[in-house]
Structures are given as C-alpha cells and as structure tokens.
Amino acid sequence: ALAWASVGGAQVARGGLSDLTALGL
C-alpha cells in the first residue's frame, strides 16, 4: 500500500518499517 509520485523524471514510492512489517518482511 505505497503511493507513487513523480519526482525528477522518475516515479518514487516512499515507505518505512511499518510497511515492511505489515508485509511480513
């Protein structure tokens, strides 16, 4: 559940430890 945003000609999605924990990683 990460959102993509246009930054400097690229698509960037930012996340943290809670996202990795929720995915079981």
PDBML (XML) file of the C-alpha atoms, coordinates in Angstrom:
<?xml version="1.0" encoding="UTF-8" ?>
<PDBx:datablock datablockName="MODEL"
   xmlns:PDBx="http://pdbml.pdb.org/schema/pdbx-v50.xsd"
   xmlns:xsi="http://www.w3.org/2001/XMLSchema-instance"
   xsi:schemaLocation="http://pdbml.pdb.org/schema/pdbx-v50.xsd pdbx-v50.xsd">
   <PDBx:atom_siteCategory>
      <PDBx:atom_site id="1">
         <PDBx:B_iso_or_equiv>0.00</PDBx:B_iso_or_equiv>
         <PDBx:Cartn_x>0.000</PDBx:Cartn_x>
         <PDBx:Cartn_y>0.000</PDBx:Cartn_y>
         <PDBx:Cartn_z>0.000</PDBx:Cartn_z>
         <PDBx:auth_asym_id>A</PDBx:auth_asym_id>
         <PDBx:auth_atom_id>CA</PDBx:auth_atom_id>
         <PDBx:auth_comp_id>ALA</PDBx:auth_comp_id>
         <PDBx:auth_seq_id>1</PDBx:auth_seq_id>
         <PDBx:group_PDB>ATOM</PDBx:group_PDB>
         <PDBx:label_alt_id xsi:nil="true" />
         <PDBx:label_asym_id>A</PDBx:label_asym_id>
         <PDBx:label_atom_id>CA</PDBx:label_atom_id>
         <PDBx:label_comp_id>ALA</PDBx:label_comp_id>
         <PDBx:label_entity_id>1</PDBx:label_entity_id>
         <PDBx:label_seq_id>1</PDBx:label_seq_id>
         <PDBx:occupancy>1.00</PDBx:occupancy>
         <PDBx:pdbx_PDB_model_num>1</PDBx:pdbx_PDB_model_num>
         <PDBx:type_symbol>C</PDBx:type_symbol>
      </PDBx:atom_site>
      <PDBx:atom_site id="2">
         <PDBx:B_iso_or_equiv>0.00</PDBx:B_iso_or_equiv>
         <PDBx:Cartn_x>2.549</PDBx:Cartn_x>
         <PDBx:Cartn_y>2.570</PDBx:Cartn_y>
         <PDBx:Cartn_z>-1.204</PDBx:Cartn_z>
         <PDBx:auth_asym_id>A</PDBx:auth_asym_id>
         <PDBx:auth_atom_id>CA</PDBx:auth_atom_id>
         <PDBx:auth_comp_id>LEU</PDBx:auth_comp_id>
         <PDBx:auth_seq_id>2</PDBx:auth_seq_id>
         <PDBx:group_PDB>ATOM</PDBx:group_PDB>
         <PDBx:label_alt_id xsi:nil="true" />
         <PDBx:label_asym_id>A</PDBx:label_asym_id>
         <PDBx:label_atom_id>CA</PDBx:label_atom_id>
         <PDBx:label_comp_id>LEU</PDBx:label_comp_id>
         <PDBx:label_entity_id>1</PDBx:label_entity_id>
         <PDBx:label_seq_id>2</PDBx:label_seq_id>
         <PDBx:occupancy>1.00</PDBx:occupancy>
         <PDBx:pdbx_PDB_model_num>1</PDBx:pdbx_PDB_model_num>
         <PDBx:type_symbol>C</PDBx:type_symbol>
      </PDBx:atom_site>
      <PDBx:atom_site id="3">
         <PDBx:B_iso_or_equiv>0.00</PDBx:B_iso_or_equiv>
         <PDBx:Cartn_x>1.737</PDBx:Cartn_x>
         <PDBx:Cartn_y>5.655</PDBx:Cartn_y>
         <PDBx:Cartn_z>-3.266</PDBx:Cartn_z>
         <PDBx:auth_asym_id>A</PDBx:auth_asym_id>
         <PDBx:auth_atom_id>CA</PDBx:auth_atom_id>
         <PDBx:auth_comp_id>ALA</PDBx:auth_comp_id>
         <PDBx:auth_seq_id>3</PDBx:auth_seq_id>
         <PDBx:group_PDB>ATOM</PDBx:group_PDB>
         <PDBx:label_alt_id xsi:nil="true" />
         <PDBx:label_asym_id>A</PDBx:label_asym_id>
         <PDBx:label_atom_id>CA</PDBx:label_atom_id>
         <PDBx:label_comp_id>ALA</PDBx:label_comp_id>
         <PDBx:label_entity_id>1</PDBx:label_entity_id>
         <PDBx:label_seq_id>3</PDBx:label_seq_id>
         <PDBx:occupancy>1.00</PDBx:occupancy>
         <PDBx:pdbx_PDB_model_num>1</PDBx:pdbx_PDB_model_num>
         <PDBx:type_symbol>C</PDBx:type_symbol>
      </PDBx:atom_site>
      <PDBx:atom_site id="4">
         <PDBx:B_iso_or_equiv>0.00</PDBx:B_iso_or_equiv>
         <PDBx:Cartn_x>3.776</PDBx:Cartn_x>
         <PDBx:Cartn_y>6.596</PDBx:Cartn_y>
         <PDBx:Cartn_z>-6.345</PDBx:Cartn_z>
         <PDBx:auth_asym_id>A</PDBx:auth_asym_id>
         <PDBx:auth_atom_id>CA</PDBx:auth_atom_id>
         <PDBx:auth_comp_id>TRP</PDBx:auth_comp_id>
         <PDBx:auth_seq_id>4</PDBx:auth_seq_id>
         <PDBx:group_PDB>ATOM</PDBx:group_PDB>
         <PDBx:label_alt_id xsi:nil="true" />
         <PDBx:label_asym_id>A</PDBx:label_asym_id>
         <PDBx:label_atom_id>CA</PDBx:label_atom_id>
         <PDBx:label_comp_id>TRP</PDBx:label_comp_id>
         <PDBx:label_entity_id>1</PDBx:label_entity_id>
         <PDBx:label_seq_id>4</PDBx:label_seq_id>
         <PDBx:occupancy>1.00</PDBx:occupancy>
         <PDBx:pdbx_PDB_model_num>1</PDBx:pdbx_PDB_model_num>
         <PDBx:type_symbol>C</PDBx:type_symbol>
      </PDBx:atom_site>
      <PDBx:atom_site id="5">
         <PDBx:B_iso_or_equiv>0.00</PDBx:B_iso_or_equiv>
         <PDBx:Cartn_x>4.725</PDBx:Cartn_x>
         <PDBx:Cartn_y>10.219</PDBx:Cartn_y>
         <PDBx:Cartn_z>-7.002</PDBx:Cartn_z>
         <PDBx:auth_asym_id>A</PDBx:auth_asym_id>
         <PDBx:auth_atom_id>CA</PDBx:auth_atom_id>
         <PDBx:auth_comp_id>ALA</PDBx:auth_comp_id>
         <PDBx:auth_seq_id>5</PDBx:auth_seq_id>
         <PDBx:group_PDB>ATOM</PDBx:group_PDB>
         <PDBx:label_alt_id xsi:nil="true" />
         <PDBx:label_asym_id>A</PDBx:label_asym_id>
         <PDBx:label_atom_id>CA</PDBx:label_atom_id>
         <PDBx:label_comp_id>ALA</PDBx:label_comp_id>
         <PDBx:label_entity_id>1</PDBx:label_entity_id>
         <PDBx:label_seq_id>5</PDBx:label_seq_id>
         <PDBx:occupancy>1.00</PDBx:occupancy>
         <PDBx:pdbx_PDB_model_num>1</PDBx:pdbx_PDB_model_num>
         <PDBx:type_symbol>C</PDBx:type_symbol>
      </PDBx:atom_site>
      <PDBx:atom_site id="6">
         <PDBx:B_iso_or_equiv>0.00</PDBx:B_iso_or_equiv>
         <PDBx:Cartn_x>6.578</PDBx:Cartn_x>
         <PDBx:Cartn_y>11.884</PDBx:Cartn_y>
         <PDBx:Cartn_z>-9.884</PDBx:Cartn_z>
         <PDBx:auth_asym_id>A</PDBx:auth_asym_id>
         <PDBx:auth_atom_id>CA</PDBx:auth_atom_id>
         <PDBx:auth_comp_id>SER</PDBx:auth_comp_id>
         <PDBx:auth_seq_id>6</PDBx:auth_seq_id>
         <PDBx:group_PDB>ATOM</PDBx:group_PDB>
         <PDBx:label_alt_id xsi:nil="true" />
         <PDBx:label_asym_id>A</PDBx:label_asym_id>
         <PDBx:label_atom_id>CA</PDBx:label_atom_id>
         <PDBx:label_comp_id>SER</PDBx:label_comp_id>
         <PDBx:label_entity_id>1</PDBx:label_entity_id>
         <PDBx:label_seq_id>6</PDBx:label_seq_id>
         <PDBx:occupancy>1.00</PDBx:occupancy>
         <PDBx:pdbx_PDB_model_num>1</PDBx:pdbx_PDB_model_num>
         <PDBx:type_symbol>C</PDBx:type_symbol>
      </PDBx:atom_site>
      <PDBx:atom_site id="7">
         <PDBx:B_iso_or_equiv>0.00</PDBx:B_iso_or_equiv>
         <PDBx:Cartn_x>9.933</PDBx:Cartn_x>
         <PDBx:Cartn_y>13.245</PDBx:Cartn_y>
         <PDBx:Cartn_z>-8.683</PDBx:Cartn_z>
         <PDBx:auth_asym_id>A</PDBx:auth_asym_id>
         <PDBx:auth_atom_id>CA</PDBx:auth_atom_id>
         <PDBx:auth_comp_id>VAL</PDBx:auth_comp_id>
         <PDBx:auth_seq_id>7</PDBx:auth_seq_id>
         <PDBx:group_PDB>ATOM</PDBx:group_PDB>
         <PDBx:label_alt_id xsi:nil="true" />
         <PDBx:label_asym_id>A</PDBx:label_asym_id>
         <PDBx:label_atom_id>CA</PDBx:label_atom_id>
         <PDBx:label_comp_id>VAL</PDBx:label_comp_id>
         <PDBx:label_entity_id>1</PDBx:label_entity_id>
         <PDBx:label_seq_id>7</PDBx:label_seq_id>
         <PDBx:occupancy>1.00</PDBx:occupancy>
         <PDBx:pdbx_PDB_model_num>1</PDBx:pdbx_PDB_model_num>
         <PDBx:type_symbol>C</PDBx:type_symbol>
      </PDBx:atom_site>
      <PDBx:atom_site id="8">
         <PDBx:B_iso_or_equiv>0.00</PDBx:B_iso_or_equiv>
         <PDBx:Cartn_x>12.631</PDBx:Cartn_x>
         <PDBx:Cartn_y>14.490</PDBx:Cartn_y>
         <PDBx:Cartn_z>-11.028</PDBx:Cartn_z>
         <PDBx:auth_asym_id>A</PDBx:auth_asym_id>
         <PDBx:auth_atom_id>CA</PDBx:auth_atom_id>
         <PDBx:auth_comp_id>GLY</PDBx:auth_comp_id>
         <PDBx:auth_seq_id>8</PDBx:auth_seq_id>
         <PDBx:group_PDB>ATOM</PDBx:group_PDB>
         <PDBx:label_alt_id xsi:nil="true" />
         <PDBx:label_asym_id>A</PDBx:label_asym_id>
         <PDBx:label_atom_id>CA</PDBx:label_atom_id>
         <PDBx:label_comp_id>GLY</PDBx:label_comp_id>
         <PDBx:label_entity_id>1</PDBx:label_entity_id>
         <PDBx:label_seq_id>8</PDBx:label_seq_id>
         <PDBx:occupancy>1.00</PDBx:occupancy>
         <PDBx:pdbx_PDB_model_num>1</PDBx:pdbx_PDB_model_num>
         <PDBx:type_symbol>C</PDBx:type_symbol>
      </PDBx:atom_site>
      <PDBx:atom_site id="9">
         <PDBx:B_iso_or_equiv>0.00</PDBx:B_iso_or_equiv>
         <PDBx:Cartn_x>11.533</PDBx:Cartn_x>
         <PDBx:Cartn_y>12.452</PDBx:Cartn_y>
         <PDBx:Cartn_z>-14.049</PDBx:Cartn_z>
         <PDBx:auth_asym_id>A</PDBx:auth_asym_id>
         <PDBx:auth_atom_id>CA</PDBx:auth_atom_id>
         <PDBx:auth_comp_id>GLY</PDBx:auth_comp_id>
         <PDBx:auth_seq_id>9</PDBx:auth_seq_id>
         <PDBx:group_PDB>ATOM</PDBx:group_PDB>
         <PDBx:label_alt_id xsi:nil="true" />
         <PDBx:label_asym_id>A</PDBx:label_asym_id>
         <PDBx:label_atom_id>CA</PDBx:label_atom_id>
         <PDBx:label_comp_id>GLY</PDBx:label_comp_id>
         <PDBx:label_entity_id>1</PDBx:label_entity_id>
         <PDBx:label_seq_id>9</PDBx:label_seq_id>
         <PDBx:occupancy>1.00</PDBx:occupancy>
         <PDBx:pdbx_PDB_model_num>1</PDBx:pdbx_PDB_model_num>
         <PDBx:type_symbol>C</PDBx:type_symbol>
      </PDBx:atom_site>
      <PDBx:atom_site id="10">
         <PDBx:B_iso_or_equiv>0.00</PDBx:B_iso_or_equiv>
         <PDBx:Cartn_x>11.082</PDBx:Cartn_x>
         <PDBx:Cartn_y>9.250</PDBx:Cartn_y>
         <PDBx:Cartn_z>-12.031</PDBx:Cartn_z>
         <PDBx:auth_asym_id>A</PDBx:auth_asym_id>
         <PDBx:auth_atom_id>CA</PDBx:auth_atom_id>
         <PDBx:auth_comp_id>ALA</PDBx:auth_comp_id>
         <PDBx:auth_seq_id>10</PDBx:auth_seq_id>
         <PDBx:group_PDB>ATOM</PDBx:group_PDB>
         <PDBx:label_alt_id xsi:nil="true" />
         <PDBx:label_asym_id>A</PDBx:label_asym_id>
         <PDBx:label_atom_id>CA</PDBx:label_atom_id>
         <PDBx:label_comp_id>ALA</PDBx:label_comp_id>
         <PDBx:label_entity_id>1</PDBx:label_entity_id>
         <PDBx:label_seq_id>10</PDBx:label_seq_id>
         <PDBx:occupancy>1.00</PDBx:occupancy>
         <PDBx:pdbx_PDB_model_num>1</PDBx:pdbx_PDB_model_num>
         <PDBx:type_symbol>C</PDBx:type_symbol>
      </PDBx:atom_site>
      <PDBx:atom_site id="11">
         <PDBx:B_iso_or_equiv>0.00</PDBx:B_iso_or_equiv>
         <PDBx:Cartn_x>8.278</PDBx:Cartn_x>
         <PDBx:Cartn_y>7.540</PDBx:Cartn_y>
         <PDBx:Cartn_z>-10.132</PDBx:Cartn_z>
         <PDBx:auth_asym_id>A</PDBx:auth_asym_id>
         <PDBx:auth_atom_id>CA</PDBx:auth_atom_id>
         <PDBx:auth_comp_id>GLN</PDBx:auth_comp_id>
         <PDBx:auth_seq_id>11</PDBx:auth_seq_id>
         <PDBx:group_PDB>ATOM</PDBx:group_PDB>
         <PDBx:label_alt_id xsi:nil="true" />
         <PDBx:label_asym_id>A</PDBx:label_asym_id>
         <PDBx:label_atom_id>CA</PDBx:label_atom_id>
         <PDBx:label_comp_id>GLN</PDBx:label_comp_id>
         <PDBx:label_entity_id>1</PDBx:label_entity_id>
         <PDBx:label_seq_id>11</PDBx:label_seq_id>
         <PDBx:occupancy>1.00</PDBx:occupancy>
         <PDBx:pdbx_PDB_model_num>1</PDBx:pdbx_PDB_model_num>
         <PDBx:type_symbol>C</PDBx:type_symbol>
      </PDBx:atom_site>
      <PDBx:atom_site id="12">
         <PDBx:B_iso_or_equiv>0.00</PDBx:B_iso_or_equiv>
         <PDBx:Cartn_x>9.135</PDBx:Cartn_x>
         <PDBx:Cartn_y>7.297</PDBx:Cartn_y>
         <PDBx:Cartn_z>-6.421</PDBx:Cartn_z>
         <PDBx:auth_asym_id>A</PDBx:auth_asym_id>
         <PDBx:auth_atom_id>CA</PDBx:auth_atom_id>
         <PDBx:auth_comp_id>VAL</PDBx:auth_comp_id>
         <PDBx:auth_seq_id>12</PDBx:auth_seq_id>
         <PDBx:group_PDB>ATOM</PDBx:group_PDB>
         <PDBx:label_alt_id xsi:nil="true" />
         <PDBx:label_asym_id>A</PDBx:label_asym_id>
         <PDBx:label_atom_id>CA</PDBx:label_atom_id>
         <PDBx:label_comp_id>VAL</PDBx:label_comp_id>
         <PDBx:label_entity_id>1</PDBx:label_entity_id>
         <PDBx:label_seq_id>12</PDBx:label_seq_id>
         <PDBx:occupancy>1.00</PDBx:occupancy>
         <PDBx:pdbx_PDB_model_num>1</PDBx:pdbx_PDB_model_num>
         <PDBx:type_symbol>C</PDBx:type_symbol>
      </PDBx:atom_site>
      <PDBx:atom_site id="13">
         <PDBx:B_iso_or_equiv>0.00</PDBx:B_iso_or_equiv>
         <PDBx:Cartn_x>7.324</PDBx:Cartn_x>
         <PDBx:Cartn_y>5.435</PDBx:Cartn_y>
         <PDBx:Cartn_z>-3.620</PDBx:Cartn_z>
         <PDBx:auth_asym_id>A</PDBx:auth_asym_id>
         <PDBx:auth_atom_id>CA</PDBx:auth_atom_id>
         <PDBx:auth_comp_id>ALA</PDBx:auth_comp_id>
         <PDBx:auth_seq_id>13</PDBx:auth_seq_id>
         <PDBx:group_PDB>ATOM</PDBx:group_PDB>
         <PDBx:label_alt_id xsi:nil="true" />
         <PDBx:label_asym_id>A</PDBx:label_asym_id>
         <PDBx:label_atom_id>CA</PDBx:label_atom_id>
         <PDBx:label_comp_id>ALA</PDBx:label_comp_id>
         <PDBx:label_entity_id>1</PDBx:label_entity_id>
         <PDBx:label_seq_id>13</PDBx:label_seq_id>
         <PDBx:occupancy>1.00</PDBx:occupancy>
         <PDBx:pdbx_PDB_model_num>1</PDBx:pdbx_PDB_model_num>
         <PDBx:type_symbol>C</PDBx:type_symbol>
      </PDBx:atom_site>
      <PDBx:atom_site id="14">
         <PDBx:B_iso_or_equiv>0.00</PDBx:B_iso_or_equiv>
         <PDBx:Cartn_x>8.469</PDBx:Cartn_x>
         <PDBx:Cartn_y>6.019</PDBx:Cartn_y>
         <PDBx:Cartn_z>-0.004</PDBx:Cartn_z>
         <PDBx:auth_asym_id>A</PDBx:auth_asym_id>
         <PDBx:auth_atom_id>CA</PDBx:auth_atom_id>
         <PDBx:auth_comp_id>ARG</PDBx:auth_comp_id>
         <PDBx:auth_seq_id>14</PDBx:auth_seq_id>
         <PDBx:group_PDB>ATOM</PDBx:group_PDB>
         <PDBx:label_alt_id xsi:nil="true" />
         <PDBx:label_asym_id>A</PDBx:label_asym_id>
         <PDBx:label_atom_id>CA</PDBx:label_atom_id>
         <PDBx:label_comp_id>ARG</PDBx:label_comp_id>
         <PDBx:label_entity_id>1</PDBx:label_entity_id>
         <PDBx:label_seq_id>14</PDBx:label_seq_id>
         <PDBx:occupancy>1.00</PDBx:occupancy>
         <PDBx:pdbx_PDB_model_num>1</PDBx:pdbx_PDB_model_num>
         <PDBx:type_symbol>C</PDBx:type_symbol>
      </PDBx:atom_site>
      <PDBx:atom_site id="15">
         <PDBx:B_iso_or_equiv>0.00</PDBx:B_iso_or_equiv>
         <PDBx:Cartn_x>7.921</PDBx:Cartn_x>
         <PDBx:Cartn_y>3.720</PDBx:Cartn_y>
         <PDBx:Cartn_z>2.951</PDBx:Cartn_z>
         <PDBx:auth_asym_id>A</PDBx:auth_asym_id>
         <PDBx:auth_atom_id>CA</PDBx:auth_atom_id>
         <PDBx:auth_comp_id>GLY</PDBx:auth_comp_id>
         <PDBx:auth_seq_id>15</PDBx:auth_seq_id>
         <PDBx:group_PDB>ATOM</PDBx:group_PDB>
         <PDBx:label_alt_id xsi:nil="true" />
         <PDBx:label_asym_id>A</PDBx:label_asym_id>
         <PDBx:label_atom_id>CA</PDBx:label_atom_id>
         <PDBx:label_comp_id>GLY</PDBx:label_comp_id>
         <PDBx:label_entity_id>1</PDBx:label_entity_id>
         <PDBx:label_seq_id>15</PDBx:label_seq_id>
         <PDBx:occupancy>1.00</PDBx:occupancy>
         <PDBx:pdbx_PDB_model_num>1</PDBx:pdbx_PDB_model_num>
         <PDBx:type_symbol>C</PDBx:type_symbol>
      </PDBx:atom_site>
      <PDBx:atom_site id="16">
         <PDBx:B_iso_or_equiv>0.00</PDBx:B_iso_or_equiv>
         <PDBx:Cartn_x>9.035</PDBx:Cartn_x>
         <PDBx:Cartn_y>2.854</PDBx:Cartn_y>
         <PDBx:Cartn_z>6.461</PDBx:Cartn_z>
         <PDBx:auth_asym_id>A</PDBx:auth_asym_id>
         <PDBx:auth_atom_id>CA</PDBx:auth_atom_id>
         <PDBx:auth_comp_id>GLY</PDBx:auth_comp_id>
         <PDBx:auth_seq_id>16</PDBx:auth_seq_id>
         <PDBx:group_PDB>ATOM</PDBx:group_PDB>
         <PDBx:label_alt_id xsi:nil="true" />
         <PDBx:label_asym_id>A</PDBx:label_asym_id>
         <PDBx:label_atom_id>CA</PDBx:label_atom_id>
         <PDBx:label_comp_id>GLY</PDBx:label_comp_id>
         <PDBx:label_entity_id>1</PDBx:label_entity_id>
         <PDBx:label_seq_id>16</PDBx:label_seq_id>
         <PDBx:occupancy>1.00</PDBx:occupancy>
         <PDBx:pdbx_PDB_model_num>1</PDBx:pdbx_PDB_model_num>
         <PDBx:type_symbol>C</PDBx:type_symbol>
      </PDBx:atom_site>
      <PDBx:atom_site id="17">
         <PDBx:B_iso_or_equiv>0.00</PDBx:B_iso_or_equiv>
         <PDBx:Cartn_x>9.464</PDBx:Cartn_x>
         <PDBx:Cartn_y>-0.047</PDBx:Cartn_y>
         <PDBx:Cartn_z>8.839</PDBx:Cartn_z>
         <PDBx:auth_asym_id>A</PDBx:auth_asym_id>
         <PDBx:auth_atom_id>CA</PDBx:auth_atom_id>
         <PDBx:auth_comp_id>LEU</PDBx:auth_comp_id>
         <PDBx:auth_seq_id>17</PDBx:auth_seq_id>
         <PDBx:group_PDB>ATOM</PDBx:group_PDB>
         <PDBx:label_alt_id xsi:nil="true" />
         <PDBx:label_asym_id>A</PDBx:label_asym_id>
         <PDBx:label_atom_id>CA</PDBx:label_atom_id>
         <PDBx:label_comp_id>LEU</PDBx:label_comp_id>
         <PDBx:label_entity_id>1</PDBx:label_entity_id>
         <PDBx:label_seq_id>17</PDBx:label_seq_id>
         <PDBx:occupancy>1.00</PDBx:occupancy>
         <PDBx:pdbx_PDB_model_num>1</PDBx:pdbx_PDB_model_num>
         <PDBx:type_symbol>C</PDBx:type_symbol>
      </PDBx:atom_site>
      <PDBx:atom_site id="18">
         <PDBx:B_iso_or_equiv>0.00</PDBx:B_iso_or_equiv>
         <PDBx:Cartn_x>5.722</PDBx:Cartn_x>
         <PDBx:Cartn_y>-0.324</PDBx:Cartn_y>
         <PDBx:Cartn_z>9.470</PDBx:Cartn_z>
         <PDBx:auth_asym_id>A</PDBx:auth_asym_id>
         <PDBx:auth_atom_id>CA</PDBx:auth_atom_id>
         <PDBx:auth_comp_id>SER</PDBx:auth_comp_id>
         <PDBx:auth_seq_id>18</PDBx:auth_seq_id>
         <PDBx:group_PDB>ATOM</PDBx:group_PDB>
         <PDBx:label_alt_id xsi:nil="true" />
         <PDBx:label_asym_id>A</PDBx:label_asym_id>
         <PDBx:label_atom_id>CA</PDBx:label_atom_id>
         <PDBx:label_comp_id>SER</PDBx:label_comp_id>
         <PDBx:label_entity_id>1</PDBx:label_entity_id>
         <PDBx:label_seq_id>18</PDBx:label_seq_id>
         <PDBx:occupancy>1.00</PDBx:occupancy>
         <PDBx:pdbx_PDB_model_num>1</PDBx:pdbx_PDB_model_num>
         <PDBx:type_symbol>C</PDBx:type_symbol>
      </PDBx:atom_site>
      <PDBx:atom_site id="19">
         <PDBx:B_iso_or_equiv>0.00</PDBx:B_iso_or_equiv>
         <PDBx:Cartn_x>5.154</PDBx:Cartn_x>
         <PDBx:Cartn_y>-1.069</PDBx:Cartn_y>
         <PDBx:Cartn_z>5.763</PDBx:Cartn_z>
         <PDBx:auth_asym_id>A</PDBx:auth_asym_id>
         <PDBx:auth_atom_id>CA</PDBx:auth_atom_id>
         <PDBx:auth_comp_id>ASP</PDBx:auth_comp_id>
         <PDBx:auth_seq_id>19</PDBx:auth_seq_id>
         <PDBx:group_PDB>ATOM</PDBx:group_PDB>
         <PDBx:label_alt_id xsi:nil="true" />
         <PDBx:label_asym_id>A</PDBx:label_asym_id>
         <PDBx:label_atom_id>CA</PDBx:label_atom_id>
         <PDBx:label_comp_id>ASP</PDBx:label_comp_id>
         <PDBx:label_entity_id>1</PDBx:label_entity_id>
         <PDBx:label_seq_id>19</PDBx:label_seq_id>
         <PDBx:occupancy>1.00</PDBx:occupancy>
         <PDBx:pdbx_PDB_model_num>1</PDBx:pdbx_PDB_model_num>
         <PDBx:type_symbol>C</PDBx:type_symbol>
      </PDBx:atom_site>
      <PDBx:atom_site id="20">
         <PDBx:B_iso_or_equiv>0.00</PDBx:B_iso_or_equiv>
         <PDBx:Cartn_x>7.774</PDBx:Cartn_x>
         <PDBx:Cartn_y>-3.817</PDBx:Cartn_y>
         <PDBx:Cartn_z>5.771</PDBx:Cartn_z>
         <PDBx:auth_asym_id>A</PDBx:auth_asym_id>
         <PDBx:auth_atom_id>CA</PDBx:auth_atom_id>
         <PDBx:auth_comp_id>LEU</PDBx:auth_comp_id>
         <PDBx:auth_seq_id>20</PDBx:auth_seq_id>
         <PDBx:group_PDB>ATOM</PDBx:group_PDB>
         <PDBx:label_alt_id xsi:nil="true" />
         <PDBx:label_asym_id>A</PDBx:label_asym_id>
         <PDBx:label_atom_id>CA</PDBx:label_atom_id>
         <PDBx:label_comp_id>LEU</PDBx:label_comp_id>
         <PDBx:label_entity_id>1</PDBx:label_entity_id>
         <PDBx:label_seq_id>20</PDBx:label_seq_id>
         <PDBx:occupancy>1.00</PDBx:occupancy>
         <PDBx:pdbx_PDB_model_num>1</PDBx:pdbx_PDB_model_num>
         <PDBx:type_symbol>C</PDBx:type_symbol>
      </PDBx:atom_site>
      <PDBx:atom_site id="21">
         <PDBx:B_iso_or_equiv>0.00</PDBx:B_iso_or_equiv>
         <PDBx:Cartn_x>6.380</PDBx:Cartn_x>
         <PDBx:Cartn_y>-5.298</PDBx:Cartn_y>
         <PDBx:Cartn_z>8.967</PDBx:Cartn_z>
         <PDBx:auth_asym_id>A</PDBx:auth_asym_id>
         <PDBx:auth_atom_id>CA</PDBx:auth_atom_id>
         <PDBx:auth_comp_id>THR</PDBx:auth_comp_id>
         <PDBx:auth_seq_id>21</PDBx:auth_seq_id>
         <PDBx:group_PDB>ATOM</PDBx:group_PDB>
         <PDBx:label_alt_id xsi:nil="true" />
         <PDBx:label_asym_id>A</PDBx:label_asym_id>
         <PDBx:label_atom_id>CA</PDBx:label_atom_id>
         <PDBx:label_comp_id>THR</PDBx:label_comp_id>
         <PDBx:label_entity_id>1</PDBx:label_entity_id>
         <PDBx:label_seq_id>21</PDBx:label_seq_id>
         <PDBx:occupancy>1.00</PDBx:occupancy>
         <PDBx:pdbx_PDB_model_num>1</PDBx:pdbx_PDB_model_num>
         <PDBx:type_symbol>C</PDBx:type_symbol>
      </PDBx:atom_site>
      <PDBx:atom_site id="22">
         <PDBx:B_iso_or_equiv>0.00</PDBx:B_iso_or_equiv>
         <PDBx:Cartn_x>2.819</PDBx:Cartn_x>
         <PDBx:Cartn_y>-5.273</PDBx:Cartn_y>
         <PDBx:Cartn_z>7.566</PDBx:Cartn_z>
         <PDBx:auth_asym_id>A</PDBx:auth_asym_id>
         <PDBx:auth_atom_id>CA</PDBx:auth_atom_id>
         <PDBx:auth_comp_id>ALA</PDBx:auth_comp_id>
         <PDBx:auth_seq_id>22</PDBx:auth_seq_id>
         <PDBx:group_PDB>ATOM</PDBx:group_PDB>
         <PDBx:label_alt_id xsi:nil="true" />
         <PDBx:label_asym_id>A</PDBx:label_asym_id>
         <PDBx:label_atom_id>CA</PDBx:label_atom_id>
         <PDBx:label_comp_id>ALA</PDBx:label_comp_id>
         <PDBx:label_entity_id>1</PDBx:label_entity_id>
         <PDBx:label_seq_id>22</PDBx:label_seq_id>
         <PDBx:occupancy>1.00</PDBx:occupancy>
         <PDBx:pdbx_PDB_model_num>1</PDBx:pdbx_PDB_model_num>
         <PDBx:type_symbol>C</PDBx:type_symbol>
      </PDBx:atom_site>
      <PDBx:atom_site id="23">
         <PDBx:B_iso_or_equiv>0.00</PDBx:B_iso_or_equiv>
         <PDBx:Cartn_x>4.043</PDBx:Cartn_x>
         <PDBx:Cartn_y>-7.190</PDBx:Cartn_y>
         <PDBx:Cartn_z>4.501</PDBx:Cartn_z>
         <PDBx:auth_asym_id>A</PDBx:auth_asym_id>
         <PDBx:auth_atom_id>CA</PDBx:auth_atom_id>
         <PDBx:auth_comp_id>LEU</PDBx:auth_comp_id>
         <PDBx:auth_seq_id>23</PDBx:auth_seq_id>
         <PDBx:group_PDB>ATOM</PDBx:group_PDB>
         <PDBx:label_alt_id xsi:nil="true" />
         <PDBx:label_asym_id>A</PDBx:label_asym_id>
         <PDBx:label_atom_id>CA</PDBx:label_atom_id>
         <PDBx:label_comp_id>LEU</PDBx:label_comp_id>
         <PDBx:label_entity_id>1</PDBx:label_entity_id>
         <PDBx:label_seq_id>23</PDBx:label_seq_id>
         <PDBx:occupancy>1.00</PDBx:occupancy>
         <PDBx:pdbx_PDB_model_num>1</PDBx:pdbx_PDB_model_num>
         <PDBx:type_symbol>C</PDBx:type_symbol>
      </PDBx:atom_site>
      <PDBx:atom_site id="24">
         <PDBx:B_iso_or_equiv>0.00</PDBx:B_iso_or_equiv>
         <PDBx:Cartn_x>5.658</PDBx:Cartn_x>
         <PDBx:Cartn_y>-9.819</PDBx:Cartn_y>
         <PDBx:Cartn_z>6.721</PDBx:Cartn_z>
         <PDBx:auth_asym_id>A</PDBx:auth_asym_id>
         <PDBx:auth_atom_id>CA</PDBx:auth_atom_id>
         <PDBx:auth_comp_id>GLY</PDBx:auth_comp_id>
         <PDBx:auth_seq_id>24</PDBx:auth_seq_id>
         <PDBx:group_PDB>ATOM</PDBx:group_PDB>
         <PDBx:label_alt_id xsi:nil="true" />
         <PDBx:label_asym_id>A</PDBx:label_asym_id>
         <PDBx:label_atom_id>CA</PDBx:label_atom_id>
         <PDBx:label_comp_id>GLY</PDBx:label_comp_id>
         <PDBx:label_entity_id>1</PDBx:label_entity_id>
         <PDBx:label_seq_id>24</PDBx:label_seq_id>
         <PDBx:occupancy>1.00</PDBx:occupancy>
         <PDBx:pdbx_PDB_model_num>1</PDBx:pdbx_PDB_model_num>
         <PDBx:type_symbol>C</PDBx:type_symbol>
      </PDBx:atom_site>
      <PDBx:atom_site id="25">
         <PDBx:B_iso_or_equiv>0.00</PDBx:B_iso_or_equiv>
         <PDBx:Cartn_x>9.155</PDBx:Cartn_x>
         <PDBx:Cartn_y>-8.900</PDBx:Cartn_y>
         <PDBx:Cartn_z>5.536</PDBx:Cartn_z>
         <PDBx:auth_asym_id>A</PDBx:auth_asym_id>
         <PDBx:auth_atom_id>CA</PDBx:auth_atom_id>
         <PDBx:auth_comp_id>LEU</PDBx:auth_comp_id>
         <PDBx:auth_seq_id>25</PDBx:auth_seq_id>
         <PDBx:group_PDB>ATOM</PDBx:group_PDB>
         <PDBx:label_alt_id xsi:nil="true" />
         <PDBx:label_asym_id>A</PDBx:label_asym_id>
         <PDBx:label_atom_id>CA</PDBx:label_atom_id>
         <PDBx:label_comp_id>LEU</PDBx:label_comp_id>
         <PDBx:label_entity_id>1</PDBx:label_entity_id>
         <PDBx:label_seq_id>25</PDBx:label_seq_id>
         <PDBx:occupancy>1.00</PDBx:occupancy>
         <PDBx:pdbx_PDB_model_num>1</PDBx:pdbx_PDB_model_num>
         <PDBx:type_symbol>C</PDBx:type_symbol>
      </PDBx:atom_site>
   </PDBx:atom_siteCategory>
</PDBx:datablock>
